[in-house]
Amino acid sequence: MKPLLVWYWRGHEATVNFGEHFCELLLTAFGYKIVAWEAERRAKRLGQHPACLMVVGSEFRRRLVNELLASVPEVHIWGQGNGRGPRVAVDMTRSPYRERVKIFALRGPLTKQWSHVTQDIPLCDPGFLLPRFYPLTPTGTGDVLYVPHCANRANAATRLASLGADRWVDVMFRRSQLQDVMRDLAAASFVLTNTLHTFIFCLAYRIPCAVSLVDGEALNMPDKWKDVFLSMNAPDAFQPVTNVAAGRDWWEQTGQHLQLPATEPLLAAFPYPILKGGG
């Protein structure tokens, strides 16, 4: 497999957040071996790479991009979003970004607007591509699952009763556990979550789900959620619930009817040759 330098959160760590696993799944399906930027930085090997790719995440922001540009000639953006707002956005009309940052796709219209991108590009989170490469059939025969954001994991078990959930699933886990977590979600009778990529995963596979928030929880980076709902042309559909009954109502009335972003343009915009599968 061809090596590809990629920046993604905790990419060099043994335990990775669920959404960052998507980066590894997709790039592996395309025929590439991920080389994590942080690992290369520590090994002082960044000078041999012509570019660094950003795929899944909410960190398309000035400070991080500046750090990447200090180590590689170009940064390539395919599906990444800015979850931190316009004040930290990369302004693509200014140097060095207009010369050295190549944008092939972004998560949604907010990221595009804040970055002053004018060209017509796909607006879609790469997580929506997963079913094309990793088929799963939802069964609805399993538990009601609660999947909190990593910042809301503390005392997660104490929220199960009020949510009406059977058990909770941790989004931080080792790579060897990924397939088990994906199958667990596919079997769920319902998923309550406040992690964006768990929600995207469920929407992509049509697993009944809803965004949940209860006392003591905070919504991580609200702008990233707005960006995704805008990419589905459904900004008013974002309606967090506090229990599974309300979640099922939301799914029946709204969630199952959402029009997901088009994935074909996103796939066609991938900046490198797709070496196997789906290309």
Protein backbone atom coordinates (compact mmCIF):
# COMPACT_ATOMS: atom_id res chain seq x y z
CA MET A 1 0.00 0.00 0.00
CA LYS A 2 1.21 3.48 -0.83
CA PRO A 3 2.12 5.65 2.19
CA LEU A 4 0.25 8.91 2.66
CA LEU A 5 1.04 11.61 5.23
CA VAL A 6 -2.14 12.49 7.13
CA TRP A 7 -2.89 14.75 10.06
CA TYR A 8 -5.73 13.55 12.27
CA TRP A 9 -6.42 13.75 15.97
CA ARG A 10 -4.58 11.05 17.94
CA GLY A 11 -3.48 9.42 14.70
CA HIS A 12 -0.24 8.29 16.32
CA GLU A 13 -1.88 6.99 19.51
CA ALA A 14 -2.93 3.45 20.35
CA THR A 15 -6.41 4.61 21.37
CA VAL A 16 -8.27 6.58 18.70
CA ASN A 17 -11.60 8.44 18.69
CA PHE A 18 -14.37 6.82 16.62
CA GLY A 19 -14.45 9.55 13.97
CA GLU A 20 -10.72 9.37 13.42
CA HIS A 21 -11.09 5.66 12.74
CA PHE A 22 -13.11 6.72 9.66
CA CYS A 23 -10.00 8.34 8.23
CA GLU A 24 -8.14 5.06 8.50
CA LEU A 25 -11.03 3.02 7.09
CA LEU A 26 -11.48 5.18 4.01
CA LEU A 27 -7.84 5.70 3.13
CA THR A 28 -7.15 1.99 3.57
CA ALA A 29 -10.09 1.23 1.26
CA PHE A 30 -8.54 3.60 -1.29
CA GLY A 31 -5.27 1.66 -1.18
CA TYR A 32 -3.18 3.92 1.06
CA LYS A 33 -1.20 3.31 4.22
CA ILE A 34 -1.58 6.21 6.63
CA VAL A 35 1.59 7.82 7.91
CA ALA A 36 0.57 9.94 10.91
CA TRP A 37 1.94 13.48 10.85
CA GLU A 38 2.72 13.51 14.57
CA ALA A 39 4.68 10.26 14.35
CA GLU A 40 6.72 11.63 11.44
CA ARG A 41 7.32 14.88 13.32
CA ARG A 42 8.69 13.01 16.31
CA ALA A 43 10.88 10.91 14.03
CA LYS A 44 12.05 14.08 12.21
CA ARG A 45 10.97 12.70 8.83
CA LEU A 46 8.52 15.38 7.72
CA GLY A 47 10.99 16.82 5.21
CA GLN A 48 10.50 13.84 2.88
CA HIS A 49 6.77 14.47 2.36
CA PRO A 50 5.44 16.83 -0.37
CA ALA A 51 2.05 17.35 1.29
CA CYS A 52 -0.11 16.53 4.30
CA LEU A 53 -3.74 15.48 3.93
CA MET A 54 -6.59 16.40 6.29
CA VAL A 55 -9.73 14.26 5.97
CA VAL A 56 -12.04 13.66 8.94
CA GLY A 57 -12.30 16.19 11.72
CA SER A 58 -13.12 19.75 12.78
CA GLU A 59 -9.66 21.28 12.85
CA PHE A 60 -9.35 23.18 9.57
CA ARG A 61 -8.13 26.25 11.41
CA ARG A 62 -5.34 28.76 11.04
CA ARG A 63 -3.04 27.72 13.90
CA LEU A 64 -2.95 24.06 12.93
CA VAL A 65 -2.59 24.72 9.21
CA ASN A 66 0.29 27.10 9.94
CA GLU A 67 1.98 24.33 11.91
CA LEU A 68 1.55 21.89 9.05
CA LEU A 69 2.80 24.40 6.47
CA ALA A 70 5.94 24.88 8.53
CA SER A 71 6.74 21.21 7.96
CA VAL A 72 5.49 20.37 4.44
CA PRO A 73 5.16 22.30 1.16
CA GLU A 74 1.39 21.86 0.84
CA VAL A 75 -1.69 20.96 2.87
CA HIS A 76 -4.54 19.17 1.11
CA ILE A 77 -8.09 19.36 2.49
CA TRP A 78 -10.67 16.71 1.62
CA GLY A 79 -13.81 16.82 3.76
CA GLN A 80 -12.33 18.46 6.86
CA GLY A 81 -14.42 21.05 8.72
CA ASN A 82 -13.86 24.05 10.94
CA GLY A 83 -15.71 23.45 14.18
CA ARG A 84 -14.23 26.42 16.03
CA GLY A 85 -15.77 29.36 14.18
CA PRO A 86 -14.81 32.20 11.85
CA ARG A 87 -12.24 33.82 14.15
CA VAL A 88 -9.81 30.94 13.67
CA ALA A 89 -10.66 30.20 10.03
CA VAL A 90 -8.10 29.85 7.27
CA ASP A 91 -8.65 32.74 4.85
CA MET A 92 -8.04 31.21 1.44
CA THR A 93 -7.77 34.64 -0.20
CA ARG A 94 -4.53 35.35 1.67
CA SER A 95 -0.97 34.10 1.48
CA PRO A 96 0.40 31.56 2.13
CA TYR A 97 -2.92 29.70 2.12
CA ARG A 98 -4.01 30.51 -1.43
CA GLU A 99 -0.72 29.20 -2.77
CA ARG A 100 -0.04 26.24 -0.47
CA VAL A 101 -3.41 24.97 0.78
CA LYS A 102 -5.37 22.95 -1.79
CA ILE A 103 -9.04 22.42 -1.02
CA PHE A 104 -10.79 19.52 -2.74
CA ALA A 105 -13.86 19.21 -0.48
CA LEU A 106 -15.09 20.59 2.83
CA ARG A 107 -17.50 19.33 5.46
CA GLY A 108 -20.18 21.95 4.92
CA PRO A 109 -21.18 25.46 3.87
CA LEU A 110 -20.16 27.16 7.13
CA THR A 111 -16.57 25.99 6.72
CA LYS A 112 -16.64 27.11 3.11
CA GLN A 113 -18.03 30.54 3.98
CA TRP A 114 -15.61 31.17 6.83
CA SER A 115 -12.64 30.13 4.66
CA HIS A 116 -13.67 32.47 1.82
CA VAL A 117 -13.70 29.61 -0.65
CA THR A 118 -15.41 30.61 -3.90
CA GLN A 119 -14.90 27.58 -6.13
CA ASP A 120 -17.60 24.95 -6.49
CA ILE A 121 -16.49 22.02 -4.32
CA PRO A 122 -18.28 19.07 -2.67
CA LEU A 123 -19.61 19.77 0.83
CA CYS A 124 -19.86 16.45 2.63
CA ASP A 125 -18.30 14.80 5.65
CA PRO A 126 -16.30 11.74 4.50
CA GLY A 127 -18.07 9.62 7.11
CA PHE A 128 -21.07 9.47 4.79
CA LEU A 129 -18.96 7.40 2.38
CA LEU A 130 -18.49 4.47 4.73
CA PRO A 131 -21.40 2.26 3.56
CA ARG A 132 -19.93 2.21 0.06
CA PHE A 133 -16.79 0.47 1.30
CA TYR A 134 -17.92 -1.27 4.48
CA PRO A 135 -21.42 -2.73 4.03
CA LEU A 136 -23.38 -3.29 7.22
CA THR A 137 -27.02 -4.27 7.58
CA PRO A 138 -28.82 -2.66 10.53
CA THR A 139 -30.89 -5.24 12.39
CA GLY A 140 -32.53 -3.20 15.15
CA THR A 141 -32.47 -6.28 17.37
CA GLY A 142 -29.96 -5.05 19.94
CA ASP A 143 -29.90 -2.63 22.85
CA VAL A 144 -30.69 1.05 23.05
CA LEU A 145 -27.20 2.52 23.06
CA TYR A 146 -25.95 5.77 24.51
CA VAL A 147 -22.75 7.09 22.89
CA PRO A 148 -21.45 10.24 24.60
CA HIS A 149 -18.82 12.57 23.20
CA CYS A 150 -15.39 11.92 24.65
CA ALA A 151 -15.77 15.08 26.78
CA ASN A 152 -19.02 13.68 28.22
CA ARG A 153 -17.76 10.19 29.08
CA ALA A 154 -17.34 10.80 32.82
CA ASN A 155 -20.08 9.02 34.76
CA ALA A 156 -21.80 7.99 31.53
CA ALA A 157 -23.42 4.98 33.18
CA THR A 158 -25.31 7.23 35.59
CA ARG A 159 -27.28 8.76 32.69
CA LEU A 160 -28.63 5.49 31.31
CA ALA A 161 -31.79 5.39 33.40
CA SER A 162 -32.90 8.95 32.57
CA LEU A 163 -32.14 8.42 28.88
CA GLY A 164 -33.89 5.07 28.72
CA ALA A 165 -30.75 3.44 27.32
CA ASP A 166 -29.52 -0.08 28.08
CA ARG A 167 -25.79 0.61 28.04
CA TRP A 168 -23.22 3.09 26.85
CA VAL A 169 -20.50 2.74 24.22
CA ASP A 170 -17.13 4.45 24.54
CA VAL A 171 -15.92 6.33 21.43
CA MET A 172 -12.29 5.99 22.50
CA PHE A 173 -10.93 2.54 21.74
CA ARG A 174 -8.10 0.60 20.14
CA ARG A 175 -8.08 -0.16 16.43
CA SER A 176 -8.61 -3.86 17.11
CA GLN A 177 -12.04 -3.02 18.56
CA LEU A 178 -13.34 -1.03 15.59
CA GLN A 179 -15.24 -3.77 13.78
CA ASP A 180 -16.95 -4.84 17.02
CA VAL A 181 -18.10 -1.27 17.70
CA MET A 182 -19.41 -0.88 14.15
CA ARG A 183 -21.36 -4.13 14.39
CA ASP A 184 -22.66 -3.14 17.82
CA LEU A 185 -24.04 0.11 16.44
CA ALA A 186 -25.54 -1.66 13.42
CA ALA A 187 -27.43 -4.02 15.73
CA ALA A 188 -28.77 -1.29 18.02
CA SER A 189 -32.50 -0.79 18.31
CA PHE A 190 -31.76 2.91 18.81
CA VAL A 191 -28.71 5.14 19.32
CA LEU A 192 -28.63 8.29 21.44
CA THR A 193 -25.44 10.26 20.92
CA ASN A 194 -23.77 13.64 21.17
CA THR A 195 -20.75 12.69 19.10
CA LEU A 196 -20.93 14.00 15.55
CA HIS A 197 -19.33 11.03 13.84
CA THR A 198 -21.44 8.48 15.68
CA PHE A 199 -24.45 10.44 14.45
CA ILE A 200 -23.06 10.58 10.89
CA PHE A 201 -22.32 6.85 11.02
CA CYS A 202 -25.90 6.11 12.05
CA LEU A 203 -27.37 8.39 9.39
CA ALA A 204 -25.14 6.88 6.71
CA TYR A 205 -26.23 3.33 7.58
CA ARG A 206 -29.82 4.36 8.40
CA ILE A 207 -29.55 3.21 11.99
CA PRO A 208 -32.34 4.87 14.04
CA CYS A 209 -30.73 7.60 16.10
CA ALA A 210 -31.04 11.05 17.62
CA VAL A 211 -28.80 13.68 19.14
CA SER A 212 -29.15 13.60 22.91
CA LEU A 213 -28.15 16.11 25.58
CA VAL A 214 -28.96 15.86 29.27
CA ASP A 215 -27.97 17.88 32.32
CA GLY A 216 -24.24 17.85 32.82
CA GLU A 217 -23.43 17.41 29.14
CA ALA A 218 -22.11 20.03 26.74
CA LEU A 219 -22.39 20.01 22.97
CA ASN A 220 -18.84 19.92 21.65
CA MET A 221 -18.25 22.56 18.94
CA PRO A 222 -21.86 23.48 18.09
CA ASP A 223 -20.73 24.96 14.78
CA LYS A 224 -19.65 21.58 13.44
CA TRP A 225 -23.18 20.30 13.97
CA LYS A 226 -24.63 23.33 12.16
CA ASP A 227 -22.23 22.68 9.29
CA VAL A 228 -23.42 19.08 8.85
CA PHE A 229 -27.10 19.92 9.08
CA LEU A 230 -26.61 22.72 6.55
CA SER A 231 -24.88 20.23 4.24
CA MET A 232 -28.16 18.27 4.37
CA ASN A 233 -30.18 21.46 3.73
CA ALA A 234 -31.90 20.89 7.06
CA PRO A 235 -30.66 23.47 9.60
CA ASP A 236 -33.90 23.32 11.60
CA ALA A 237 -33.69 19.54 11.99
CA PHE A 238 -31.08 19.83 14.74
CA GLN A 239 -33.21 19.16 17.82
CA PRO A 240 -31.41 17.42 20.73
CA VAL A 241 -33.57 15.16 22.88
CA THR A 242 -33.34 14.04 26.51
CA ASN A 243 -34.58 10.45 26.28
CA VAL A 244 -35.16 7.60 23.89
CA ALA A 245 -38.91 8.18 23.56
CA ALA A 246 -38.32 11.72 22.30
CA GLY A 247 -35.50 10.39 20.15
CA ARG A 248 -37.75 7.87 18.45
CA ASP A 249 -40.28 10.62 17.76
CA TRP A 250 -37.57 12.78 16.19
CA TRP A 251 -36.36 9.88 14.05
CA GLU A 252 -39.84 9.01 12.82
CA GLN A 253 -40.79 12.59 12.03
CA THR A 254 -37.46 14.02 10.87
CA GLY A 255 -34.32 11.90 11.05
CA GLN A 256 -35.23 9.11 8.69
CA HIS A 257 -36.33 11.66 6.07
CA LEU A 258 -33.10 13.68 5.99
CA GLN A 259 -31.51 13.92 2.56
CA LEU A 260 -27.88 12.98 3.08
CA PRO A 261 -25.12 14.88 1.27
CA ALA A 262 -24.16 13.50 -2.13
CA THR A 263 -21.12 11.26 -1.80
CA GLU A 264 -20.27 10.73 -5.48
CA PRO A 265 -18.87 14.27 -5.93
CA LEU A 266 -16.86 13.84 -2.72
CA LEU A 267 -15.35 10.58 -3.93
CA ALA A 268 -14.59 12.07 -7.34
CA ALA A 269 -12.80 14.99 -5.65
CA PHE A 270 -10.33 12.82 -3.72
CA PRO A 271 -6.97 14.45 -4.48
CA TYR A 272 -5.01 11.29 -5.31
CA PRO A 273 -5.60 8.21 -7.45
CA ILE A 274 -7.91 5.71 -5.78
CA LEU A 275 -5.77 2.61 -6.01
CA LYS A 276 -8.43 0.04 -5.24
CA GLY A 277 -12.19 -0.23 -4.75
CA GLY A 278 -14.90 2.25 -5.63
CA GLY A 279 -12.87 4.57 -7.84
